[in-house]
Amino acid sequence: MADITRKDVERLVKRRSPIKEVNITALNLDKFNFEGAIFTKCKFTGSTFNGSDFAFSHFEECLIDDCEMYGSHMQESSFIECDLSKSDLRDCVLIEVNFRQSILHSVDFSGSFIKDSVLLNVKGDLCDFSFTSLSAANFSGAKMHVCDFSACRSVDLKAAEVLTLIHHSCRERF
């Protein structure tokens, strides 16, 4: 169980107080406004964030695994060295999102809109990018194995290592 309540998280986020090393496990944070929030080494395992706004938020070394984030909006958000394994990011809008050095095992991005986002040195297996729109995303140094890029649309992707894989599955224009 979480060490903190939704109301406590709301209060801290509104005050722009950095939240460090807090257990936020299995908390319902649906339709939550994370705008400008700063989380470091927090554990969100099994929490729900459906329909939440993550604009300008920053997560560093956080465990965000097995979470539902369906239909969320992320603009200029950072997930640095985070583990988002088995999380559901279906139908999300991700604009200028930084996933640098994060772990993305079995993450479902299907139906999402991903634009100008950075996925530098991410590690991911069995990710689902089907029906996703990828525009100017940077996959440099990414290790994406057995991922589904079927029926996705990609434009101006960066990273030769992943482009071969994506090339065979996406409708793209380079």
C-alpha atoms as a PDB file:
ATOM      1  CA  MET A   1       0.000   0.000   0.000  1.00  0.00           C
ATOM      2  CA  ALA A   2       0.972   3.604  -0.539  1.00  0.00           C
ATOM      3  CA  ASP A   3       2.714   5.613   2.167  1.00  0.00           C
ATOM      4  CA  ILE A   4       0.802   8.689   1.028  1.00  0.00           C
ATOM      5  CA  THR A   5      -2.765   9.518   0.003  1.00  0.00           C
ATOM      6  CA  ARG A   6      -3.995  11.090  -3.234  1.00  0.00           C
ATOM      7  CA  LYS A   7      -4.828  14.236  -1.304  1.00  0.00           C
ATOM      8  CA  ASP A   8      -1.248  14.443   0.047  1.00  0.00           C
ATOM      9  CA  VAL A   9       0.174  13.995  -3.458  1.00  0.00           C
ATOM     10  CA  GLU A  10      -2.148  16.742  -4.776  1.00  0.00           C
ATOM     11  CA  ARG A  11      -1.024  19.123  -2.040  1.00  0.00           C
ATOM     12  CA  LEU A  12       2.687  18.479  -2.667  1.00  0.00           C
ATOM     13  CA  VAL A  13       2.338  18.787  -6.454  1.00  0.00           C
ATOM     14  CA  LYS A  14       0.403  22.066  -6.178  1.00  0.00           C
ATOM     15  CA  ARG A  15       3.156  23.471  -3.951  1.00  0.00           C
ATOM     16  CA  ARG A  16       5.775  22.290  -6.484  1.00  0.00           C
ATOM     17  CA  SER A  17       7.502  20.397  -3.669  1.00  0.00           C
ATOM     18  CA  PRO A  18       9.920  17.712  -4.896  1.00  0.00           C
ATOM     19  CA  ILE A  19       8.731  14.259  -3.839  1.00  0.00           C
ATOM     20  CA  LYS A  20      11.569  11.843  -3.053  1.00  0.00           C
ATOM     21  CA  GLU A  21      11.670   8.143  -2.195  1.00  0.00           C
ATOM     22  CA  VAL A  22       7.949   7.832  -1.490  1.00  0.00           C
ATOM     23  CA  ASN A  23       5.923   4.646  -1.940  1.00  0.00           C
ATOM     24  CA  ILE A  24       2.904   5.578  -4.080  1.00  0.00           C
ATOM     25  CA  THR A  25       1.971   1.960  -4.863  1.00  0.00           C
ATOM     26  CA  ALA A  26      -1.535   1.029  -6.088  1.00  0.00           C
ATOM     27  CA  LEU A  27      -2.915   4.563  -5.743  1.00  0.00           C
ATOM     28  CA  ASN A  28      -5.765   5.831  -7.918  1.00  0.00           C
ATOM     29  CA  LEU A  29      -4.434   8.984  -9.578  1.00  0.00           C
ATOM     30  CA  ASP A  30      -6.896   9.022 -12.492  1.00  0.00           C
ATOM     31  CA  LYS A  31      -7.503  12.466 -14.025  1.00  0.00           C
ATOM     32  CA  PHE A  32      -4.714  13.858 -11.835  1.00  0.00           C
ATOM     33  CA  ASN A  33      -2.896  17.097 -12.696  1.00  0.00           C
ATOM     34  CA  PHE A  34       0.853  16.368 -12.417  1.00  0.00           C
ATOM     35  CA  GLU A  35       1.810  19.633 -14.130  1.00  0.00           C
ATOM     36  CA  GLY A  36       5.284  20.661 -12.976  1.00  0.00           C
ATOM     37  CA  ALA A  37       5.599  17.778 -10.486  1.00  0.00           C
ATOM     38  CA  ILE A  38       9.047  16.448  -9.541  1.00  0.00           C
ATOM     39  CA  PHE A  39       9.408  12.820  -8.401  1.00  0.00           C
ATOM     40  CA  THR A  40      12.734  11.142  -7.584  1.00  0.00           C
ATOM     41  CA  LYS A  41      13.155   7.446  -6.717  1.00  0.00           C
ATOM     42  CA  CYS A  42       9.428   6.991  -6.044  1.00  0.00           C
ATOM     43  CA  LYS A  43       7.557   3.706  -6.446  1.00  0.00           C
ATOM     44  CA  PHE A  44       4.236   3.837  -8.341  1.00  0.00           C
ATOM     45  CA  THR A  45       3.790   0.084  -8.995  1.00  0.00           C
ATOM     46  CA  GLY A  46       0.189  -0.763  -9.914  1.00  0.00           C
ATOM     47  CA  SER A  47      -1.104   2.817  -9.700  1.00  0.00           C
ATOM     48  CA  THR A  48      -3.606   4.216 -12.209  1.00  0.00           C
ATOM     49  CA  PHE A  49      -3.151   7.542 -14.008  1.00  0.00           C
ATOM     50  CA  ASN A  50      -5.867   7.243 -16.669  1.00  0.00           C
ATOM     51  CA  GLY A  51      -6.657  10.581 -18.309  1.00  0.00           C
ATOM     52  CA  SER A  52      -4.008  12.437 -16.269  1.00  0.00           C
ATOM     53  CA  ASP A  53      -2.037  15.521 -17.328  1.00  0.00           C
ATOM     54  CA  PHE A  54       1.744  15.108 -16.996  1.00  0.00           C
ATOM     55  CA  ALA A  55       2.726  18.409 -18.675  1.00  0.00           C
ATOM     56  CA  PHE A  56       6.166  19.663 -17.616  1.00  0.00           C
ATOM     57  CA  SER A  57       6.525  16.916 -14.985  1.00  0.00           C
ATOM     58  CA  HIS A  58       9.815  15.231 -14.120  1.00  0.00           C
ATOM     59  CA  PHE A  59      10.287  11.634 -12.940  1.00  0.00           C
ATOM     60  CA  GLU A  60      13.787  10.372 -12.215  1.00  0.00           C
ATOM     61  CA  GLU A  61      14.751   6.815 -11.234  1.00  0.00           C
ATOM     62  CA  CYS A  62      11.109   6.003 -10.485  1.00  0.00           C
ATOM     63  CA  LEU A  63       9.460   2.584 -10.636  1.00  0.00           C
ATOM     64  CA  ILE A  64       6.294   3.135 -12.700  1.00  0.00           C
ATOM     65  CA  ASP A  65       5.672  -0.505 -13.583  1.00  0.00           C
ATOM     66  CA  ASP A  66       2.354  -2.231 -14.186  1.00  0.00           C
ATOM     67  CA  CYS A  67       0.552   1.142 -14.224  1.00  0.00           C
ATOM     68  CA  GLU A  68      -2.457   2.264 -16.253  1.00  0.00           C
ATOM     69  CA  MET A  69      -1.886   5.613 -17.963  1.00  0.00           C
ATOM     70  CA  TYR A  70      -4.493   5.221 -20.694  1.00  0.00           C
ATOM     71  CA  GLY A  71      -5.438   8.440 -22.494  1.00  0.00           C
ATOM     72  CA  SER A  72      -2.998  10.644 -20.586  1.00  0.00           C
ATOM     73  CA  HIS A  73      -1.371  13.802 -21.925  1.00  0.00           C
ATOM     74  CA  MET A  74       2.368  14.277 -21.579  1.00  0.00           C
ATOM     75  CA  GLN A  75       3.989  17.410 -22.926  1.00  0.00           C
ATOM     76  CA  GLU A  76       7.611  18.267 -22.155  1.00  0.00           C
ATOM     77  CA  SER A  77       7.644  15.564 -19.484  1.00  0.00           C
ATOM     78  CA  SER A  78      10.738  13.602 -18.460  1.00  0.00           C
ATOM     79  CA  PHE A  79      11.001   9.978 -17.378  1.00  0.00           C
ATOM     80  CA  ILE A  80      14.760   9.661 -16.823  1.00  0.00           C
ATOM     81  CA  GLU A  81      16.089   6.210 -15.885  1.00  0.00           C
ATOM     82  CA  CYS A  82      12.578   5.068 -14.947  1.00  0.00           C
ATOM     83  CA  ASP A  83      11.146   1.560 -15.235  1.00  0.00           C
ATOM     84  CA  LEU A  84       7.761   1.667 -16.994  1.00  0.00           C
ATOM     85  CA  SER A  85       7.585  -2.097 -17.620  1.00  0.00           C
ATOM     86  CA  LYS A  86       4.134  -3.555 -18.283  1.00  0.00           C
ATOM     87  CA  SER A  87       2.505  -0.106 -18.172  1.00  0.00           C
ATOM     88  CA  ASP A  88      -0.433   0.840 -20.391  1.00  0.00           C
ATOM     89  CA  LEU A  89       0.137   4.086 -22.323  1.00  0.00           C
ATOM     90  CA  ARG A  90      -2.503   3.409 -24.982  1.00  0.00           C
ATOM     91  CA  ASP A  91      -4.054   6.402 -26.727  1.00  0.00           C
ATOM     92  CA  CYS A  92      -1.746   8.903 -25.021  1.00  0.00           C
ATOM     93  CA  VAL A  93      -0.462  12.170 -26.440  1.00  0.00           C
ATOM     94  CA  LEU A  94       3.307  12.399 -25.927  1.00  0.00           C
ATOM     95  CA  ILE A  95       4.895  15.625 -27.198  1.00  0.00           C
ATOM     96  CA  GLU A  96       8.542  16.357 -26.425  1.00  0.00           C
ATOM     97  CA  VAL A  97       8.680  13.590 -23.830  1.00  0.00           C
ATOM     98  CA  ASN A  98      12.090  12.372 -22.659  1.00  0.00           C
ATOM     99  CA  PHE A  99      12.386   8.659 -21.796  1.00  0.00           C
ATOM    100  CA  ARG A 100      16.215   8.708 -21.687  1.00  0.00           C
ATOM    101  CA  GLN A 101      17.722   5.444 -20.362  1.00  0.00           C
ATOM    102  CA  SER A 102      14.363   4.110 -19.208  1.00  0.00           C
ATOM    103  CA  ILE A 103      13.200   0.501 -19.248  1.00  0.00           C
ATOM    104  CA  LEU A 104      10.124  -0.092 -21.391  1.00  0.00           C
ATOM    105  CA  HIS A 105       9.541  -3.873 -21.261  1.00  0.00           C
ATOM    106  CA  SER A 106       6.044  -4.828 -22.491  1.00  0.00           C
ATOM    107  CA  VAL A 107       4.819  -1.215 -22.579  1.00  0.00           C
ATOM    108  CA  ASP A 108       1.673  -0.675 -24.661  1.00  0.00           C
ATOM    109  CA  PHE A 109       1.898   2.568 -26.683  1.00  0.00           C
ATOM    110  CA  SER A 110      -0.736   1.446 -29.200  1.00  0.00           C
ATOM    111  CA  GLY A 111      -2.827   4.223 -30.704  1.00  0.00           C
ATOM    112  CA  SER A 112      -0.666   6.936 -29.141  1.00  0.00           C
ATOM    113  CA  PHE A 113       0.629  10.115 -30.779  1.00  0.00           C
ATOM    114  CA  ILE A 114       4.373  10.483 -30.145  1.00  0.00           C
ATOM    115  CA  LYS A 115       6.009  13.657 -31.466  1.00  0.00           C
ATOM    116  CA  ASP A 116       9.494  15.142 -30.957  1.00  0.00           C
ATOM    117  CA  SER A 117      10.166  12.669 -28.163  1.00  0.00           C
ATOM    118  CA  VAL A 118      13.487  11.246 -26.998  1.00  0.00           C
ATOM    119  CA  LEU A 119      13.953   7.545 -26.373  1.00  0.00           C
ATOM    120  CA  LEU A 120      17.762   7.615 -26.082  1.00  0.00           C
ATOM    121  CA  ASN A 121      19.315   4.384 -24.825  1.00  0.00           C
ATOM    122  CA  VAL A 122      15.977   2.909 -23.739  1.00  0.00           C
ATOM    123  CA  LYS A 123      15.634  -0.846 -23.342  1.00  0.00           C
ATOM    124  CA  GLY A 124      12.409  -2.472 -24.393  1.00  0.00           C
ATOM    125  CA  ASP A 125      11.110  -5.904 -25.272  1.00  0.00           C
ATOM    126  CA  LEU A 126       7.625  -6.781 -26.494  1.00  0.00           C
ATOM    127  CA  CYS A 127       6.480  -3.135 -26.707  1.00  0.00           C
ATOM    128  CA  ASP A 128       3.348  -2.432 -28.724  1.00  0.00           C
ATOM    129  CA  PHE A 129       3.550   0.590 -31.044  1.00  0.00           C
ATOM    130  CA  SER A 130       0.750  -0.632 -33.322  1.00  0.00           C
ATOM    131  CA  PHE A 131      -1.403   2.144 -34.803  1.00  0.00           C
ATOM    132  CA  THR A 132       0.918   4.724 -33.223  1.00  0.00           C
ATOM    133  CA  SER A 133       1.922   7.957 -34.916  1.00  0.00           C
ATOM    134  CA  LEU A 134       5.690   8.483 -34.481  1.00  0.00           C
ATOM    135  CA  SER A 135       6.907  11.894 -35.598  1.00  0.00           C
ATOM    136  CA  ALA A 136      10.531  13.055 -35.197  1.00  0.00           C
ATOM    137  CA  ALA A 137      11.182  10.587 -32.367  1.00  0.00           C
ATOM    138  CA  ASN A 138      14.809   9.911 -31.469  1.00  0.00           C
ATOM    139  CA  PHE A 139      15.580   6.237 -30.777  1.00  0.00           C
ATOM    140  CA  SER A 140      19.404   6.640 -30.768  1.00  0.00           C
ATOM    141  CA  GLY A 141      21.056   3.831 -28.824  1.00  0.00           C
ATOM    142  CA  ALA A 142      17.687   2.191 -28.098  1.00  0.00           C
ATOM    143  CA  LYS A 143      17.480  -1.582 -27.808  1.00  0.00           C
ATOM    144  CA  MET A 144      13.935  -2.493 -28.829  1.00  0.00           C
ATOM    145  CA  HIS A 145      13.493  -6.266 -29.284  1.00  0.00           C
ATOM    146  CA  VAL A 146      10.429  -8.065 -30.627  1.00  0.00           C
ATOM    147  CA  CYS A 147       8.310  -4.913 -30.620  1.00  0.00           C
ATOM    148  CA  ASP A 148       5.143  -4.518 -32.681  1.00  0.00           C
ATOM    149  CA  PHE A 149       5.315  -1.544 -35.053  1.00  0.00           C
ATOM    150  CA  SER A 150       2.508  -2.828 -37.294  1.00  0.00           C
ATOM    151  CA  ALA A 151       0.256  -0.221 -38.881  1.00  0.00           C
ATOM    152  CA  CYS A 152       2.123   2.643 -37.222  1.00  0.00           C
ATOM    153  CA  ARG A 153       2.908   5.829 -39.093  1.00  0.00           C
ATOM    154  CA  SER A 154       6.403   7.235 -38.739  1.00  0.00           C
ATOM    155  CA  VAL A 155       7.986  10.453 -39.988  1.00  0.00           C
ATOM    156  CA  ASP A 156      11.570  11.687 -39.469  1.00  0.00           C
ATOM    157  CA  LEU A 157      12.721   9.043 -37.009  1.00  0.00           C
ATOM    158  CA  LYS A 158      16.319   9.099 -35.789  1.00  0.00           C
ATOM    159  CA  ALA A 159      18.457   6.023 -34.999  1.00  0.00           C
ATOM    160  CA  ALA A 160      19.736   3.722 -37.684  1.00  0.00           C
ATOM    161  CA  GLU A 161      19.742   0.756 -35.305  1.00  0.00           C
ATOM    162  CA  VAL A 162      15.968   0.733 -34.908  1.00  0.00           C
ATOM    163  CA  LEU A 163      15.006   2.123 -38.289  1.00  0.00           C
ATOM    164  CA  THR A 164      15.539  -1.197 -40.031  1.00  0.00           C
ATOM    165  CA  LEU A 165      13.102  -2.862 -37.675  1.00  0.00           C
ATOM    166  CA  ILE A 166      10.546  -0.070 -37.954  1.00  0.00           C
ATOM    167  CA  HIS A 167      11.017   0.236 -41.716  1.00  0.00           C
ATOM    168  CA  HIS A 168       9.491  -3.169 -42.327  1.00  0.00           C
ATOM    169  CA  SER A 169       6.425  -2.535 -40.197  1.00  0.00           C
ATOM    170  CA  CYS A 170       5.474   1.144 -40.530  1.00  0.00           C
ATOM    171  CA  ARG A 171       4.246   3.394 -43.254  1.00  0.00           C
ATOM    172  CA  GLU A 172       6.955   5.990 -43.133  1.00  0.00           C
ATOM    173  CA  ARG A 173       8.504   8.990 -44.806  1.00  0.00           C
ATOM    174  CA  PHE A 174      12.138   9.756 -44.043  1.00  0.00           C
END
